[in-house]
Protein backbone atom coordinates (compact mmCIF):
# COMPACT_ATOMS: atom_id res chain seq x y z
CA UNK A 1 0.00 0.00 0.00
CA UNK A 2 1.62 3.17 -1.13
CA UNK A 3 0.70 6.80 -1.60
CA UNK A 4 -2.19 5.79 -3.85
CA UNK A 5 -3.84 3.56 -1.22
CA UNK A 6 -7.58 3.66 -1.99
CA UNK A 7 -8.65 2.03 1.30
CA UNK A 8 -10.48 3.66 4.17
CA UNK A 9 -8.75 2.82 7.45
CA UNK A 10 -9.40 2.93 11.20
CA UNK A 11 -7.22 4.99 13.52
CA UNK A 12 -5.02 2.86 15.77
CA UNK A 13 -6.96 4.19 18.77
CA UNK A 14 -10.20 2.86 17.32
CA UNK A 15 -12.32 3.41 20.42
CA UNK A 16 -11.14 6.98 21.08
CA UNK A 17 -12.34 9.70 18.75
CA UNK A 18 -10.09 12.76 18.49
CA UNK A 19 -12.69 14.61 16.42
CA UNK A 20 -15.31 14.14 19.14
CA UNK A 21 -12.94 15.51 21.79
CA UNK A 22 -12.15 18.44 19.51
CA UNK A 23 -15.88 19.16 19.10
CA UNK A 24 -16.42 19.13 22.87
CA UNK A 25 -13.57 21.61 23.38
CA UNK A 26 -14.86 23.81 20.59
CA UNK A 27 -18.43 23.89 21.92
CA UNK A 28 -17.38 24.33 25.55
CA UNK A 29 -14.53 26.81 25.30
CA UNK A 30 -14.73 28.14 21.75
CA UNK A 31 -11.34 26.60 21.00
CA UNK A 32 -10.73 24.43 17.98
CA UNK A 33 -7.41 22.65 17.67
CA UNK A 34 -6.25 21.27 14.38
CA UNK A 35 -6.64 17.58 13.71
CA UNK A 36 -3.43 15.84 12.65
CA UNK A 37 -2.88 15.60 8.91
CA UNK A 38 -1.53 12.02 9.17
CA UNK A 39 -2.70 9.42 11.68
CA UNK A 40 -1.55 5.94 12.67
CA UNK A 41 -3.94 3.21 11.60
CA UNK A 42 -4.87 -0.23 12.86
CA UNK A 43 -2.92 -1.83 10.02
CA UNK A 44 0.25 0.07 10.89
CA UNK A 45 0.20 2.67 8.11
CA UNK A 46 0.17 6.44 8.50
CA UNK A 47 -2.54 7.89 6.28
CA UNK A 48 -4.33 11.23 5.93
CA UNK A 49 -7.00 11.71 8.60
CA UNK A 50 -9.55 12.08 5.79
CA UNK A 51 -8.88 8.45 4.78
CA UNK A 52 -10.07 7.08 8.14
CA UNK A 53 -13.48 6.38 9.57
CA UNK A 54 -14.84 4.96 12.83
CA UNK A 55 -17.89 3.59 10.96
CA UNK A 56 -17.74 -0.14 10.12
CA UNK A 57 -19.71 0.32 6.90
CA UNK A 58 -17.06 2.68 5.51
CA UNK A 59 -13.80 0.89 6.45
CA UNK A 60 -12.39 -1.08 3.51
CA UNK A 61 -8.98 -2.11 4.91
CA UNK A 62 -9.34 -5.69 6.18
CA UNK A 63 -6.48 -5.40 8.69
CA UNK A 64 -8.02 -2.21 10.11
CA UNK A 65 -11.43 -3.89 10.39
CA UNK A 66 -9.84 -6.74 12.37
CA UNK A 67 -7.97 -4.25 14.57
CA UNK A 68 -11.14 -2.26 15.28
CA UNK A 69 -13.06 -5.44 16.11
CA UNK A 70 -10.39 -6.47 18.66
CA UNK A 71 -10.25 -2.96 20.16
CA UNK A 72 -14.02 -2.74 20.62
CA UNK A 73 -14.16 -6.21 22.21
CA UNK A 74 -11.26 -5.32 24.53
CA UNK A 75 -12.93 -2.06 25.51
CA UNK A 76 -16.25 -3.83 26.16
CA UNK A 77 -14.54 -6.23 28.60
CA UNK A 78 -12.74 -3.35 30.31
CA UNK A 79 -15.93 -1.31 30.75
CA UNK A 80 -17.77 -4.27 32.25
CA UNK A 81 -14.91 -5.07 34.60
CA UNK A 82 -14.50 -1.48 35.77
CA UNK A 83 -18.24 -0.97 36.26
CA UNK A 84 -18.27 -3.83 38.79
CA UNK A 85 -15.48 -2.31 40.90
CA UNK A 86 -16.27 -0.59 44.19
CA UNK A 87 -16.53 3.16 43.76
CA UNK A 88 -17.27 3.02 40.04
CA UNK A 89 -19.13 6.05 38.70
CA UNK A 90 -21.24 3.83 36.46
CA UNK A 91 -23.42 0.97 37.60
CA UNK A 92 -22.88 -2.62 36.46
CA UNK A 93 -26.08 -2.27 34.39
CA UNK A 94 -24.77 0.85 32.65
CA UNK A 95 -21.46 -0.92 32.08
CA UNK A 96 -23.23 -3.91 30.57
CA UNK A 97 -25.22 -1.65 28.22
CA UNK A 98 -22.07 0.18 27.09
CA UNK A 99 -20.24 -3.12 26.65
CA UNK A 100 -23.12 -4.50 24.58
CA UNK A 101 -22.96 -1.44 22.30
CA UNK A 102 -19.23 -1.97 21.74
CA UNK A 103 -19.74 -5.68 21.09
CA UNK A 104 -22.33 -4.71 18.49
CA UNK A 105 -19.84 -2.38 16.81
CA UNK A 106 -17.23 -5.17 16.91
CA UNK A 107 -19.73 -7.50 15.21
CA UNK A 108 -20.29 -4.91 12.48
CA UNK A 109 -16.53 -4.69 11.90
CA UNK A 110 -16.38 -8.49 11.51
CA UNK A 111 -19.08 -8.45 8.80
CA UNK A 112 -17.47 -8.33 5.39
C-alpha atoms as a PDB file:
ATOM      1  CA  UNK A   1       0.000   0.000   0.000  1.00  0.00           C
ATOM      2  CA  UNK A   2       1.623   3.171  -1.135  1.00  0.00           C
ATOM      3  CA  UNK A   3       0.702   6.800  -1.601  1.00  0.00           C
ATOM      4  CA  UNK A   4      -2.192   5.793  -3.849  1.00  0.00           C
ATOM      5  CA  UNK A   5      -3.837   3.563  -1.224  1.00  0.00           C
ATOM      6  CA  UNK A   6      -7.583   3.664  -1.989  1.00  0.00           C
ATOM      7  CA  UNK A   7      -8.655   2.035   1.296  1.00  0.00           C
ATOM      8  CA  UNK A   8     -10.481   3.662   4.169  1.00  0.00           C
ATOM      9  CA  UNK A   9      -8.749   2.817   7.445  1.00  0.00           C
ATOM     10  CA  UNK A  10      -9.397   2.932  11.202  1.00  0.00           C
ATOM     11  CA  UNK A  11      -7.216   4.987  13.522  1.00  0.00           C
ATOM     12  CA  UNK A  12      -5.021   2.856  15.773  1.00  0.00           C
ATOM     13  CA  UNK A  13      -6.957   4.190  18.774  1.00  0.00           C
ATOM     14  CA  UNK A  14     -10.203   2.862  17.321  1.00  0.00           C
ATOM     15  CA  UNK A  15     -12.315   3.414  20.425  1.00  0.00           C
ATOM     16  CA  UNK A  16     -11.138   6.982  21.077  1.00  0.00           C
ATOM     17  CA  UNK A  17     -12.342   9.695  18.747  1.00  0.00           C
ATOM     18  CA  UNK A  18     -10.086  12.759  18.488  1.00  0.00           C
ATOM     19  CA  UNK A  19     -12.686  14.610  16.422  1.00  0.00           C
ATOM     20  CA  UNK A  20     -15.313  14.140  19.144  1.00  0.00           C
ATOM     21  CA  UNK A  21     -12.935  15.505  21.789  1.00  0.00           C
ATOM     22  CA  UNK A  22     -12.149  18.440  19.510  1.00  0.00           C
ATOM     23  CA  UNK A  23     -15.881  19.163  19.098  1.00  0.00           C
ATOM     24  CA  UNK A  24     -16.418  19.127  22.872  1.00  0.00           C
ATOM     25  CA  UNK A  25     -13.568  21.610  23.384  1.00  0.00           C
ATOM     26  CA  UNK A  26     -14.864  23.805  20.591  1.00  0.00           C
ATOM     27  CA  UNK A  27     -18.429  23.886  21.920  1.00  0.00           C
ATOM     28  CA  UNK A  28     -17.376  24.331  25.545  1.00  0.00           C
ATOM     29  CA  UNK A  29     -14.530  26.811  25.297  1.00  0.00           C
ATOM     30  CA  UNK A  30     -14.726  28.135  21.748  1.00  0.00           C
ATOM     31  CA  UNK A  31     -11.342  26.595  20.999  1.00  0.00           C
ATOM     32  CA  UNK A  32     -10.728  24.428  17.979  1.00  0.00           C
ATOM     33  CA  UNK A  33      -7.412  22.653  17.667  1.00  0.00           C
ATOM     34  CA  UNK A  34      -6.247  21.265  14.376  1.00  0.00           C
ATOM     35  CA  UNK A  35      -6.643  17.577  13.715  1.00  0.00           C
ATOM     36  CA  UNK A  36      -3.431  15.837  12.653  1.00  0.00           C
ATOM     37  CA  UNK A  37      -2.879  15.598   8.908  1.00  0.00           C
ATOM     38  CA  UNK A  38      -1.532  12.019   9.172  1.00  0.00           C
ATOM     39  CA  UNK A  39      -2.702   9.418  11.682  1.00  0.00           C
ATOM     40  CA  UNK A  40      -1.547   5.940  12.668  1.00  0.00           C
ATOM     41  CA  UNK A  41      -3.944   3.212  11.596  1.00  0.00           C
ATOM     42  CA  UNK A  42      -4.868  -0.226  12.855  1.00  0.00           C
ATOM     43  CA  UNK A  43      -2.919  -1.834  10.020  1.00  0.00           C
ATOM     44  CA  UNK A  44       0.248   0.071  10.894  1.00  0.00           C
ATOM     45  CA  UNK A  45       0.202   2.666   8.115  1.00  0.00           C
ATOM     46  CA  UNK A  46       0.168   6.440   8.501  1.00  0.00           C
ATOM     47  CA  UNK A  47      -2.542   7.889   6.276  1.00  0.00           C
ATOM     48  CA  UNK A  48      -4.329  11.229   5.930  1.00  0.00           C
ATOM     49  CA  UNK A  49      -7.004  11.706   8.596  1.00  0.00           C
ATOM     50  CA  UNK A  50      -9.549  12.083   5.788  1.00  0.00           C
ATOM     51  CA  UNK A  51      -8.875   8.447   4.781  1.00  0.00           C
ATOM     52  CA  UNK A  52     -10.071   7.079   8.143  1.00  0.00           C
ATOM     53  CA  UNK A  53     -13.481   6.375   9.568  1.00  0.00           C
ATOM     54  CA  UNK A  54     -14.840   4.961  12.831  1.00  0.00           C
ATOM     55  CA  UNK A  55     -17.889   3.586  10.961  1.00  0.00           C
ATOM     56  CA  UNK A  56     -17.736  -0.139  10.121  1.00  0.00           C
ATOM     57  CA  UNK A  57     -19.711   0.317   6.898  1.00  0.00           C
ATOM     58  CA  UNK A  58     -17.056   2.682   5.512  1.00  0.00           C
ATOM     59  CA  UNK A  59     -13.801   0.893   6.454  1.00  0.00           C
ATOM     60  CA  UNK A  60     -12.395  -1.075   3.512  1.00  0.00           C
ATOM     61  CA  UNK A  61      -8.977  -2.112   4.906  1.00  0.00           C
ATOM     62  CA  UNK A  62      -9.337  -5.692   6.183  1.00  0.00           C
ATOM     63  CA  UNK A  63      -6.478  -5.396   8.690  1.00  0.00           C
ATOM     64  CA  UNK A  64      -8.023  -2.213  10.112  1.00  0.00           C
ATOM     65  CA  UNK A  65     -11.426  -3.889  10.391  1.00  0.00           C
ATOM     66  CA  UNK A  66      -9.837  -6.745  12.371  1.00  0.00           C
ATOM     67  CA  UNK A  67      -7.974  -4.247  14.572  1.00  0.00           C
ATOM     68  CA  UNK A  68     -11.143  -2.260  15.280  1.00  0.00           C
ATOM     69  CA  UNK A  69     -13.056  -5.440  16.115  1.00  0.00           C
ATOM     70  CA  UNK A  70     -10.391  -6.467  18.657  1.00  0.00           C
ATOM     71  CA  UNK A  71     -10.245  -2.965  20.161  1.00  0.00           C
ATOM     72  CA  UNK A  72     -14.020  -2.738  20.624  1.00  0.00           C
ATOM     73  CA  UNK A  73     -14.156  -6.210  22.206  1.00  0.00           C
ATOM     74  CA  UNK A  74     -11.256  -5.324  24.529  1.00  0.00           C
ATOM     75  CA  UNK A  75     -12.932  -2.061  25.506  1.00  0.00           C
ATOM     76  CA  UNK A  76     -16.253  -3.835  26.165  1.00  0.00           C
ATOM     77  CA  UNK A  77     -14.541  -6.227  28.595  1.00  0.00           C
ATOM     78  CA  UNK A  78     -12.736  -3.353  30.311  1.00  0.00           C
ATOM     79  CA  UNK A  79     -15.931  -1.309  30.748  1.00  0.00           C
ATOM     80  CA  UNK A  80     -17.771  -4.274  32.245  1.00  0.00           C
ATOM     81  CA  UNK A  81     -14.911  -5.072  34.605  1.00  0.00           C
ATOM     82  CA  UNK A  82     -14.496  -1.482  35.768  1.00  0.00           C
ATOM     83  CA  UNK A  83     -18.240  -0.968  36.263  1.00  0.00           C
ATOM     84  CA  UNK A  84     -18.268  -3.829  38.791  1.00  0.00           C
ATOM     85  CA  UNK A  85     -15.482  -2.306  40.900  1.00  0.00           C
ATOM     86  CA  UNK A  86     -16.272  -0.590  44.187  1.00  0.00           C
ATOM     87  CA  UNK A  87     -16.532   3.164  43.761  1.00  0.00           C
ATOM     88  CA  UNK A  88     -17.266   3.016  40.037  1.00  0.00           C
ATOM     89  CA  UNK A  89     -19.127   6.049  38.704  1.00  0.00           C
ATOM     90  CA  UNK A  90     -21.244   3.829  36.463  1.00  0.00           C
ATOM     91  CA  UNK A  91     -23.420   0.974  37.601  1.00  0.00           C
ATOM     92  CA  UNK A  92     -22.883  -2.622  36.461  1.00  0.00           C
ATOM     93  CA  UNK A  93     -26.077  -2.270  34.394  1.00  0.00           C
ATOM     94  CA  UNK A  94     -24.767   0.851  32.654  1.00  0.00           C
ATOM     95  CA  UNK A  95     -21.458  -0.918  32.082  1.00  0.00           C
ATOM     96  CA  UNK A  96     -23.234  -3.908  30.568  1.00  0.00           C
ATOM     97  CA  UNK A  97     -25.221  -1.653  28.219  1.00  0.00           C
ATOM     98  CA  UNK A  98     -22.072   0.182  27.094  1.00  0.00           C
ATOM     99  CA  UNK A  99     -20.235  -3.119  26.646  1.00  0.00           C
ATOM    100  CA  UNK A 100     -23.122  -4.500  24.581  1.00  0.00           C
ATOM    101  CA  UNK A 101     -22.963  -1.440  22.299  1.00  0.00           C
ATOM    102  CA  UNK A 102     -19.233  -1.969  21.741  1.00  0.00           C
ATOM    103  CA  UNK A 103     -19.737  -5.677  21.090  1.00  0.00           C
ATOM    104  CA  UNK A 104     -22.334  -4.707  18.491  1.00  0.00           C
ATOM    105  CA  UNK A 105     -19.843  -2.377  16.808  1.00  0.00           C
ATOM    106  CA  UNK A 106     -17.233  -5.169  16.912  1.00  0.00           C
ATOM    107  CA  UNK A 107     -19.725  -7.501  15.209  1.00  0.00           C
ATOM    108  CA  UNK A 108     -20.292  -4.913  12.481  1.00  0.00           C
ATOM    109  CA  UNK A 109     -16.526  -4.694  11.896  1.00  0.00           C
ATOM    110  CA  UNK A 110     -16.378  -8.488  11.511  1.00  0.00           C
ATOM    111  CA  UNK A 111     -19.081  -8.451   8.801  1.00  0.00           C
ATOM    112  CA  UNK A 112     -17.471  -8.334   5.390  1.00  0.00           C
END
